[in-house]
Amino acid sequence: MFDERFNLGVDMYYKKTVDMLLQADVPGQSGSYRQWQNLGQVDNKGLEISVGGAIIKTKNFEWVSNINFNTNKNVIVSLGSVDYVPVNVAGGHIVEVGRAIVGQAIGTGWGYVFDGIYQIDDFTDNTYSTLKPGVVSFAGQAVKPGDMKFKNIDGDPNNVITPEGDKTVISNSQPKHFGGFNNTFSYKNFDASIFFQWSYGNQILNVGRYRYEGYIPYFNIRRDYWNGHWTVDNPSNRYPRLQGAGTTQASSYYVEDGSYLRLKNIVLGYNLPQKLARKLTLNNLRFYVSADNVLTFTRYSGYDPEVSYWNPLLTGLDYTSYPRSSVFTFGMNLKF
């Protein structure tokens, strides 16, 4: 019916991975508190669909399109003798950012649930030393107006927020689906290709934001934070005060939608007519210009939504990673 111009591929898979290489806690008398061991099990299942073919095919013009659509779900079945493995970052004010938890997917962010900003009305008087009944407090921390407020997850009757009772899963690095869409065109001696890629439904724990929201005095400050942060005259419920308490805690305040659509690559080419090429003692001469990472459509506030943290247990962590560069190239292909 279509003269074999189109193709369709559908693959479903299930993969069980066992004896992963992970750091496990060991008794202190061994001379260390952690040791690399082969342990645990992770199950992956997913669907891959590819569709492609010649949309238009005439004597002088051809348009070929290909799209691939992918989904993947994984779950941690076992971590040996423990229920979770912490994911920590070194060299910063925010340390524990995630956990690999039995029953959850790989790439789970761990922290408090952001519940707004402490306001002046939350305190009994203008010394701001005592919270009104029913307002949550933070264990070991004297809070002030403009500080971050977190949810009482464990339902503590005294409304005291603690790391043992009130931290929970706050993000998932795994996208609901991802893929690519490529189109190639040719008209006589001209050719072109356009490639898009996307990711949808993944979350990014953008903890690097605290550096640009006034916590570190010698860093630049983001304009949206500076214009909207809490002050007495601007009692914001979105951004905390400068150097406010809670800023250096991993929380859902830093979780953002990492979905994006990126124009990844464009190529325009021209093949010199064969008669002219032969006069130059060439079989073929092609000129081309290309551009990589041209445009990105996203709501993510960081430099680049295509983050990939080095730790595979939490790839969706952005600790102020360097963005991908746009690259523009001009070249020629010679065939003798």
Protein backbone atom coordinates (compact mmCIF):
# COMPACT_ATOMS: atom_id res chain seq x y z
CA MET A 1 0.00 0.00 0.00
CA PHE A 2 2.79 2.45 0.89
CA ASP A 3 5.34 0.93 -1.48
CA GLU A 4 7.56 0.02 1.52
CA ARG A 5 8.17 3.71 2.26
CA PHE A 6 7.37 3.49 5.97
CA ASN A 7 8.65 1.42 8.86
CA LEU A 8 7.45 0.75 12.38
CA GLY A 9 9.36 -0.82 15.26
CA VAL A 10 7.99 -1.67 18.70
CA ASP A 11 10.11 -3.17 21.47
CA MET A 12 9.12 -4.00 25.03
CA TYR A 13 11.71 -5.05 27.56
CA TYR A 14 12.17 -6.20 31.12
CA LYS A 15 15.61 -6.28 32.71
CA LYS A 16 16.61 -7.47 36.15
CA THR A 17 19.98 -6.24 37.41
CA VAL A 18 21.52 -7.91 40.44
CA ASP A 19 24.74 -7.52 42.44
CA MET A 20 25.14 -3.82 41.74
CA LEU A 21 28.35 -2.16 42.88
CA LEU A 22 27.35 0.07 45.80
CA GLN A 23 28.90 1.43 48.97
CA ALA A 24 27.57 -0.45 52.00
CA ASP A 25 27.91 0.38 55.67
CA VAL A 26 30.30 -1.94 57.52
CA PRO A 27 31.28 -2.25 61.22
CA GLY A 28 33.78 0.35 62.39
CA GLN A 29 36.16 -2.30 63.68
CA SER A 30 36.89 -3.23 60.08
CA GLY A 31 38.91 -0.02 59.78
CA SER A 32 36.35 1.79 57.64
CA TYR A 33 32.71 2.75 57.83
CA ARG A 34 31.89 1.94 54.19
CA GLN A 35 32.93 -0.62 51.64
CA TRP A 36 32.22 -1.26 47.97
CA GLN A 37 30.10 -4.40 47.65
CA ASN A 38 28.06 -6.23 45.04
CA LEU A 39 24.52 -6.18 46.35
CA GLY A 40 20.90 -5.40 45.59
CA GLN A 41 18.50 -5.71 42.68
CA VAL A 42 16.89 -3.20 40.31
CA ASP A 43 14.13 -4.04 37.82
CA ASN A 44 13.66 -2.03 34.62
CA LYS A 45 10.81 -2.26 32.16
CA GLY A 46 10.00 -0.06 29.23
CA LEU A 47 8.66 0.52 25.76
CA GLU A 48 10.48 1.76 22.66
CA ILE A 49 8.58 2.81 19.53
CA SER A 50 10.15 4.04 16.30
CA VAL A 51 8.25 5.24 13.24
CA GLY A 52 9.81 6.51 10.06
CA GLY A 53 9.57 6.78 6.34
CA ALA A 54 9.45 8.97 3.25
CA ILE A 55 6.62 11.48 3.66
CA ILE A 56 7.18 12.88 0.18
CA LYS A 57 9.24 11.29 -2.55
CA THR A 58 9.38 12.78 -6.05
CA LYS A 59 12.01 13.08 -8.75
CA ASN A 60 13.58 16.24 -7.30
CA PHE A 61 12.30 16.42 -3.73
CA GLU A 62 12.34 13.99 -0.80
CA TRP A 63 11.23 14.39 2.80
CA VAL A 64 12.10 11.60 5.24
CA SER A 65 10.90 11.72 8.86
CA ASN A 66 11.76 9.52 11.85
CA ILE A 67 10.52 9.66 15.43
CA ASN A 68 11.37 7.51 18.42
CA PHE A 69 9.35 7.40 21.64
CA ASN A 70 10.67 5.78 24.81
CA THR A 71 9.42 5.06 28.31
CA ASN A 72 11.26 3.39 31.14
CA LYS A 73 10.30 2.57 34.72
CA ASN A 74 12.64 1.15 37.29
CA VAL A 75 12.21 0.09 40.88
CA ILE A 76 14.76 -0.85 43.52
CA VAL A 77 13.85 -4.32 44.72
CA SER A 78 16.70 -4.87 47.17
CA LEU A 79 19.72 -3.10 48.66
CA GLY A 80 21.10 -6.02 50.57
CA SER A 81 20.70 -5.62 54.31
CA VAL A 82 19.60 -1.95 54.25
CA ASP A 83 16.40 -0.18 53.21
CA TYR A 84 18.09 2.84 51.66
CA VAL A 85 21.44 4.29 50.60
CA PRO A 86 21.92 8.05 51.13
CA VAL A 87 23.04 10.26 48.25
CA ASN A 88 25.29 13.05 49.51
CA VAL A 89 27.20 15.87 47.89
CA ALA A 90 30.49 17.16 49.23
CA GLY A 91 31.82 20.66 49.45
CA GLY A 92 28.52 22.49 49.89
CA HIS A 93 26.05 23.65 52.49
CA ILE A 94 23.37 21.16 51.37
CA VAL A 95 24.67 17.62 51.98
CA GLU A 96 22.01 14.88 51.82
CA VAL A 97 20.05 15.43 48.62
CA GLY A 98 18.63 12.01 47.81
CA ARG A 99 18.20 8.40 48.71
CA ALA A 100 18.12 5.11 46.84
CA ILE A 101 15.14 3.52 48.61
CA VAL A 102 13.78 -0.02 48.32
CA GLY A 103 10.43 0.22 46.54
CA GLN A 104 11.24 3.53 44.85
CA ALA A 105 12.78 4.44 41.51
CA ILE A 106 16.46 5.29 41.09
CA GLY A 107 16.88 9.05 41.10
CA THR A 108 14.82 9.94 44.16
CA GLY A 109 15.35 13.31 45.82
CA TRP A 110 15.00 13.39 49.61
CA GLY A 111 14.17 16.34 51.84
CA TYR A 112 11.52 18.51 53.44
CA VAL A 113 8.26 19.66 51.83
CA PHE A 114 8.30 23.44 51.43
CA ASP A 115 5.21 25.05 52.94
CA GLY A 116 5.70 28.76 52.43
CA ILE A 117 7.43 31.48 54.45
CA TYR A 118 7.14 32.46 58.10
CA GLN A 119 5.24 35.75 58.32
CA ILE A 120 5.14 38.37 61.08
CA ASP A 121 1.64 37.19 62.03
CA ASP A 122 3.04 33.73 62.89
CA PHE A 123 4.70 35.18 66.02
CA THR A 124 3.19 36.33 69.29
CA ASP A 125 5.00 39.67 69.48
CA ASN A 126 7.50 41.90 67.69
CA THR A 127 10.51 40.18 69.25
CA TYR A 128 9.75 37.17 67.01
CA SER A 129 10.97 34.81 69.71
CA THR A 130 7.74 32.81 70.19
CA LEU A 131 5.54 31.19 67.56
CA LYS A 132 1.79 31.18 67.89
CA PRO A 133 0.09 27.88 68.80
CA GLY A 134 -0.36 25.62 65.78
CA VAL A 135 2.54 27.11 63.82
CA VAL A 136 5.30 24.62 63.07
CA SER A 137 8.77 25.11 64.54
CA PHE A 138 12.10 23.65 63.47
CA ALA A 139 14.04 21.48 65.92
CA GLY A 140 17.24 23.18 67.06
CA GLN A 141 16.61 26.29 64.94
CA ALA A 142 15.23 29.67 66.02
CA VAL A 143 13.13 30.86 63.08
CA LYS A 144 12.32 34.44 62.14
CA PRO A 145 9.90 36.09 59.72
CA GLY A 146 11.09 35.42 56.18
CA ASP A 147 12.52 31.97 56.94
CA MET A 148 11.38 28.83 55.14
CA LYS A 149 8.52 26.82 56.61
CA PHE A 150 8.23 23.04 56.13
CA LYS A 151 5.33 20.60 56.41
CA ASN A 152 4.74 18.46 59.48
CA ILE A 153 4.81 15.13 57.64
CA ASP A 154 4.76 12.77 60.61
CA GLY A 155 1.95 14.65 62.35
CA ASP A 156 3.97 15.53 65.44
CA PRO A 157 1.45 16.92 67.98
CA ASN A 158 3.91 19.61 69.05
CA ASN A 159 4.37 20.75 65.43
CA VAL A 160 8.13 20.33 65.59
CA ILE A 161 9.91 19.64 62.29
CA THR A 162 12.68 17.03 62.56
CA PRO A 163 14.91 15.35 59.97
CA GLU A 164 13.92 11.92 61.28
CA GLY A 165 10.19 12.45 60.95
CA ASP A 166 9.56 15.03 58.28
CA LYS A 167 11.88 14.30 55.38
CA THR A 168 10.31 12.43 52.49
CA VAL A 169 10.58 11.80 48.74
CA ILE A 170 10.50 15.17 46.98
CA SER A 171 11.59 14.48 43.39
CA ASN A 172 11.91 11.82 40.71
CA SER A 173 14.65 12.08 38.08
CA GLN A 174 12.98 9.61 35.72
CA PRO A 175 11.01 11.12 32.79
CA LYS A 176 7.57 9.81 31.90
CA HIS A 177 8.74 9.63 28.29
CA PHE A 178 11.58 10.91 26.11
CA GLY A 179 12.66 10.69 22.50
CA GLY A 180 13.76 12.36 19.31
CA PHE A 181 12.27 13.61 16.04
CA ASN A 182 14.42 13.88 12.91
CA ASN A 183 13.55 15.25 9.48
CA THR A 184 15.76 15.23 6.39
CA PHE A 185 15.03 17.06 3.15
CA SER A 186 16.66 16.98 -0.25
CA TYR A 187 15.94 19.11 -3.29
CA LYS A 188 18.16 18.64 -6.30
CA ASN A 189 21.67 19.46 -5.03
CA PHE A 190 20.50 20.86 -1.68
CA ASP A 191 19.92 18.91 1.53
CA ALA A 192 18.89 19.75 5.08
CA SER A 193 18.19 17.99 8.36
CA ILE A 194 16.51 19.10 11.57
CA PHE A 195 16.65 17.10 14.79
CA PHE A 196 14.60 17.71 17.95
CA GLN A 197 14.87 15.83 21.24
CA TRP A 198 12.64 15.97 24.29
CA SER A 199 12.14 14.77 27.82
CA TYR A 200 8.84 15.03 29.68
CA GLY A 201 7.83 14.53 33.30
CA ASN A 202 11.24 14.37 34.98
CA GLN A 203 12.00 16.54 38.00
CA ILE A 204 15.24 18.35 38.81
CA LEU A 205 16.45 19.08 42.32
CA ASN A 206 18.07 22.43 41.60
CA VAL A 207 19.93 22.88 44.89
CA GLY A 208 22.48 25.14 43.23
CA ARG A 209 19.89 27.91 43.45
CA TYR A 210 20.79 28.68 47.06
CA ARG A 211 24.11 30.09 45.83
CA TYR A 212 22.26 32.71 43.75
CA GLU A 213 19.51 33.53 46.19
CA GLY A 214 21.49 35.55 48.67
CA TYR A 215 22.90 32.85 50.95
CA ILE A 216 26.51 33.32 49.84
CA PRO A 217 27.33 37.05 50.09
CA TYR A 218 29.95 37.22 47.29
CA PHE A 219 27.81 35.44 44.66
CA ASN A 220 25.54 37.16 42.17
CA ILE A 221 21.81 37.18 42.98
CA ARG A 222 19.11 36.09 40.55
CA ARG A 223 16.93 38.96 39.45
CA ASP A 224 13.60 37.19 40.13
CA TYR A 225 14.75 36.35 43.67
CA TRP A 226 16.01 39.87 44.38
CA ASN A 227 12.77 41.43 43.14
CA GLY A 228 10.55 38.96 45.00
CA HIS A 229 12.34 37.91 48.19
CA TRP A 230 10.73 38.41 51.60
CA THR A 231 11.08 41.75 53.32
CA VAL A 232 8.88 43.58 55.81
CA ASP A 233 7.55 45.69 52.93
CA ASN A 234 7.24 42.68 50.61
CA PRO A 235 5.93 39.75 52.71
CA SER A 236 6.46 37.19 49.94
CA ASN A 237 5.31 33.62 50.45
CA ARG A 238 7.48 32.37 47.56
CA TYR A 239 11.05 33.51 48.22
CA PRO A 240 12.65 33.59 51.72
CA ARG A 241 14.59 36.52 53.15
CA LEU A 242 18.29 36.97 52.48
CA GLN A 243 20.26 34.23 54.27
CA GLY A 244 17.06 32.92 55.82
CA ALA A 245 16.89 29.69 57.83
CA GLY A 246 15.96 26.61 55.81
CA THR A 247 17.79 27.79 52.70
CA THR A 248 20.51 25.16 53.12
CA GLN A 249 18.07 22.28 53.61
CA ALA A 250 17.17 20.04 50.67
CA SER A 251 13.46 20.63 50.15
CA SER A 252 10.75 20.72 47.51
CA TYR A 253 11.44 24.47 47.27
CA TYR A 254 14.29 23.53 44.92
CA VAL A 255 12.34 20.96 42.86
CA GLU A 256 11.46 22.04 39.32
CA ASP A 257 9.92 20.52 36.23
CA GLY A 258 12.79 19.40 34.00
CA SER A 259 10.72 18.82 30.85
CA TYR A 260 12.13 20.33 27.68
CA LEU A 261 12.02 20.34 23.90
CA ARG A 262 15.37 21.09 22.28
CA LEU A 263 16.28 21.90 18.70
CA LYS A 264 19.41 19.80 18.93
CA ASN A 265 20.86 20.04 15.44
CA ILE A 266 20.35 21.73 12.06
CA VAL A 267 22.39 20.99 8.94
CA LEU A 268 22.19 22.70 5.54
CA GLY A 269 24.24 21.31 2.67
CA TYR A 270 24.94 21.80 -1.02
CA ASN A 271 26.53 19.31 -3.41
CA LEU A 272 28.46 20.80 -6.28
CA PRO A 273 27.16 19.51 -9.62
CA GLN A 274 29.11 16.52 -10.87
CA LYS A 275 30.36 18.30 -13.98
CA LEU A 276 31.95 21.06 -11.93
CA ALA A 277 33.34 18.59 -9.41
CA ARG A 278 35.05 16.57 -12.15
CA LYS A 279 36.65 19.70 -13.53
CA LEU A 280 38.25 20.03 -10.10
CA THR A 281 39.36 16.36 -10.29
CA LEU A 282 36.89 15.45 -7.56
CA ASN A 283 34.19 12.81 -7.38
CA ASN A 284 32.09 14.95 -5.06
CA LEU A 285 32.31 18.31 -3.24
CA ARG A 286 29.78 19.20 -0.57
CA PHE A 287 29.57 22.41 1.45
CA TYR A 288 27.61 22.49 4.68
CA VAL A 289 26.78 24.59 7.73
CA SER A 290 25.52 23.10 10.98
CA ALA A 291 24.34 24.31 14.36
CA ASP A 292 24.07 22.31 17.59
CA ASN A 293 21.95 23.14 20.67
CA VAL A 294 20.15 25.92 18.85
CA LEU A 295 16.98 26.46 20.90
CA THR A 296 15.53 24.99 24.09
CA PHE A 297 11.91 25.33 25.18
CA THR A 298 11.53 24.73 28.91
CA ARG A 299 10.19 26.19 32.15
CA TYR A 300 13.30 25.15 34.04
CA SER A 301 15.04 28.11 35.68
CA GLY A 302 18.57 26.65 35.61
CA TYR A 303 21.16 27.00 32.89
CA ASP A 304 20.30 23.72 31.17
CA PRO A 305 17.43 21.24 31.78
CA GLU A 306 19.52 18.40 30.34
CA VAL A 307 21.34 17.88 33.61
CA SER A 308 23.21 14.68 34.38
CA TYR A 309 24.81 14.57 37.81
CA TRP A 310 27.80 12.22 38.08
CA ASN A 311 26.12 10.00 40.69
CA PRO A 312 23.80 7.54 38.86
CA LEU A 313 21.65 7.29 42.00
CA LEU A 314 20.45 10.88 41.45
CA THR A 315 21.04 12.04 37.88
CA GLY A 316 18.38 14.75 38.23
CA LEU A 317 20.48 16.93 40.52
CA ASP A 318 21.69 20.34 39.42
CA TYR A 319 24.49 21.76 41.55
CA THR A 320 25.09 24.66 39.17
CA SER A 321 26.27 22.52 36.28
CA TYR A 322 27.77 24.14 33.19
CA PRO A 323 25.30 24.40 30.27
CA ARG A 324 25.80 22.83 26.88
CA SER A 325 27.35 25.17 24.37
CA SER A 326 25.80 26.18 21.09
CA VAL A 327 28.18 25.18 18.30
CA PHE A 328 28.14 26.55 14.75
CA THR A 329 30.22 24.84 12.08
CA PHE A 330 31.03 25.44 8.42
CA GLY A 331 32.81 22.77 6.43
CA MET A 332 33.21 20.82 3.22
CA ASN A 333 33.42 17.16 2.28
CA LEU A 334 35.81 16.13 -0.49
CA LYS A 335 35.78 12.84 -2.31
CA PHE A 336 38.59 12.08 -4.76
